[in-house]
Amino acid sequence: MPKLFEYLGLVLRFYSNEHESVHVHAFYKENQTKVEFIIENGIITQINYKKIAGFEMIPTEKIKDLETLIEVYKYDIIQLWIKFFVLNEKISCKKIKTKIK
């Protein structure tokens, strides 16, 4: 389960055994939210935030930080998906230590 990003207590990961649409799992403490990317002709047309069975979604006070992280790094996440799932390459975590504006 490779870690992609750490930001303000949020962690984004891939589950290494999943092969469905491009998505990441966002963790904050015991909460987890699935972030799914809808891509048409190489363009992200929609981003969906979904509940995962057995977990509470990321709390509302942290969801804005998650949305900001996703918006800024969405195409990087797609590239990491390709690198990991298509090219079978190792990926490393980016730790973001300052607030994204």
Protein backbone atom coordinates (compact mmCIF):
# COMPACT_ATOMS: atom_id res chain seq x y z
CA MET A 1 0.00 0.00 0.00
CA PRO A 2 2.28 2.80 -1.23
CA LYS A 3 2.03 6.21 0.34
CA LEU A 4 1.84 9.13 -2.12
CA PHE A 5 1.45 12.27 -0.03
CA GLU A 6 1.42 13.43 3.59
CA TYR A 7 -0.21 16.79 4.25
CA LEU A 8 -1.51 18.30 7.51
CA GLY A 9 -2.28 14.86 8.99
CA LEU A 10 -3.80 13.56 5.74
CA VAL A 11 -2.21 10.61 3.99
CA LEU A 12 -2.94 9.54 0.39
CA ARG A 13 -2.30 5.90 -0.56
CA PHE A 14 -2.94 3.39 -3.30
CA TYR A 15 -4.10 -0.10 -2.40
CA SER A 16 -1.68 -2.22 -4.40
CA ASN A 17 -4.21 -4.96 -5.17
CA GLU A 18 -6.87 -2.70 -6.76
CA HIS A 19 -7.25 -2.29 -10.50
CA GLU A 20 -10.44 -0.33 -10.96
CA SER A 21 -10.76 3.29 -12.04
CA VAL A 22 -8.01 5.70 -11.06
CA HIS A 23 -8.46 6.60 -7.40
CA VAL A 24 -6.64 7.12 -4.11
CA HIS A 25 -7.53 6.45 -0.51
CA ALA A 26 -7.28 9.45 1.79
CA PHE A 27 -6.70 8.77 5.49
CA TYR A 28 -7.04 11.06 8.46
CA LYS A 29 -6.68 9.36 11.84
CA GLU A 30 -9.23 6.49 11.74
CA ASN A 31 -11.22 8.05 8.88
CA GLN A 32 -10.92 7.12 5.23
CA THR A 33 -12.36 8.52 2.00
CA LYS A 34 -11.98 7.23 -1.55
CA VAL A 35 -11.17 9.91 -4.13
CA GLU A 36 -12.08 8.76 -7.63
CA PHE A 37 -10.97 10.52 -10.84
CA ILE A 38 -13.18 10.47 -13.93
CA ILE A 39 -10.97 10.96 -16.99
CA GLU A 40 -12.14 11.61 -20.54
CA ASN A 41 -9.65 12.09 -23.38
CA GLY A 42 -6.79 12.59 -20.92
CA ILE A 43 -8.63 15.33 -18.98
CA ILE A 44 -9.97 14.96 -15.45
CA THR A 45 -13.62 15.88 -15.85
CA GLN A 46 -14.84 15.00 -12.37
CA ILE A 47 -13.51 14.10 -8.92
CA ASN A 48 -15.77 12.09 -6.62
CA TYR A 49 -15.33 11.72 -2.85
CA LYS A 50 -16.84 8.44 -1.68
CA LYS A 51 -17.51 6.70 1.61
CA ILE A 52 -15.81 3.37 2.19
CA ALA A 53 -17.76 0.68 4.02
CA GLY A 54 -16.63 0.32 7.60
CA PHE A 55 -15.02 3.78 7.81
CA GLU A 56 -16.23 7.27 8.57
CA MET A 57 -15.42 9.81 5.87
CA ILE A 58 -12.75 12.42 6.50
CA PRO A 59 -14.32 14.98 8.84
CA THR A 60 -15.67 18.23 7.41
CA GLU A 61 -13.00 20.29 9.17
CA LYS A 62 -10.32 18.41 7.15
CA ILE A 63 -12.17 17.90 3.85
CA LYS A 64 -11.16 21.36 2.57
CA ASP A 65 -7.48 20.48 3.09
CA LEU A 66 -8.08 17.21 1.21
CA GLU A 67 -9.86 18.99 -1.66
CA THR A 68 -7.01 21.51 -1.92
CA LEU A 69 -4.40 18.74 -1.95
CA ILE A 70 -6.30 16.84 -4.63
CA GLU A 71 -6.85 19.93 -6.78
CA VAL A 72 -3.19 20.94 -6.74
CA TYR A 73 -1.77 17.43 -7.22
CA LYS A 74 -4.48 15.69 -9.29
CA TYR A 75 -2.35 15.21 -12.40
CA ASP A 76 0.62 14.11 -10.28
CA ILE A 77 -1.64 11.46 -8.75
CA ILE A 78 -2.59 10.25 -12.23
CA GLN A 79 1.09 10.03 -13.19
CA LEU A 80 1.84 8.12 -9.98
CA TRP A 81 -1.03 5.71 -10.80
CA ILE A 82 0.51 5.03 -14.21
CA LYS A 83 3.98 4.65 -12.74
CA PHE A 84 2.80 2.21 -10.07
CA PHE A 85 0.03 0.19 -11.73
CA VAL A 86 1.06 0.28 -15.40
CA LEU A 87 4.85 0.54 -15.32
CA ASN A 88 5.23 -1.40 -12.03
CA GLU A 89 7.69 1.17 -10.71
CA LYS A 90 8.30 2.08 -7.10
CA ILE A 91 6.94 5.43 -5.94
CA SER A 92 7.97 7.56 -3.00
CA CYS A 93 6.00 9.77 -0.66
CA LYS A 94 5.98 13.54 -0.93
CA LYS A 95 5.71 15.21 2.47
CA ILE A 96 4.18 18.66 2.22
CA LYS A 97 5.11 20.66 5.29
CA THR A 98 3.58 24.03 4.51
CA LYS A 99 -0.05 24.95 3.95
CA ILE A 100 -1.09 24.93 0.29
CA LYS A 101 -2.66 28.23 -0.72
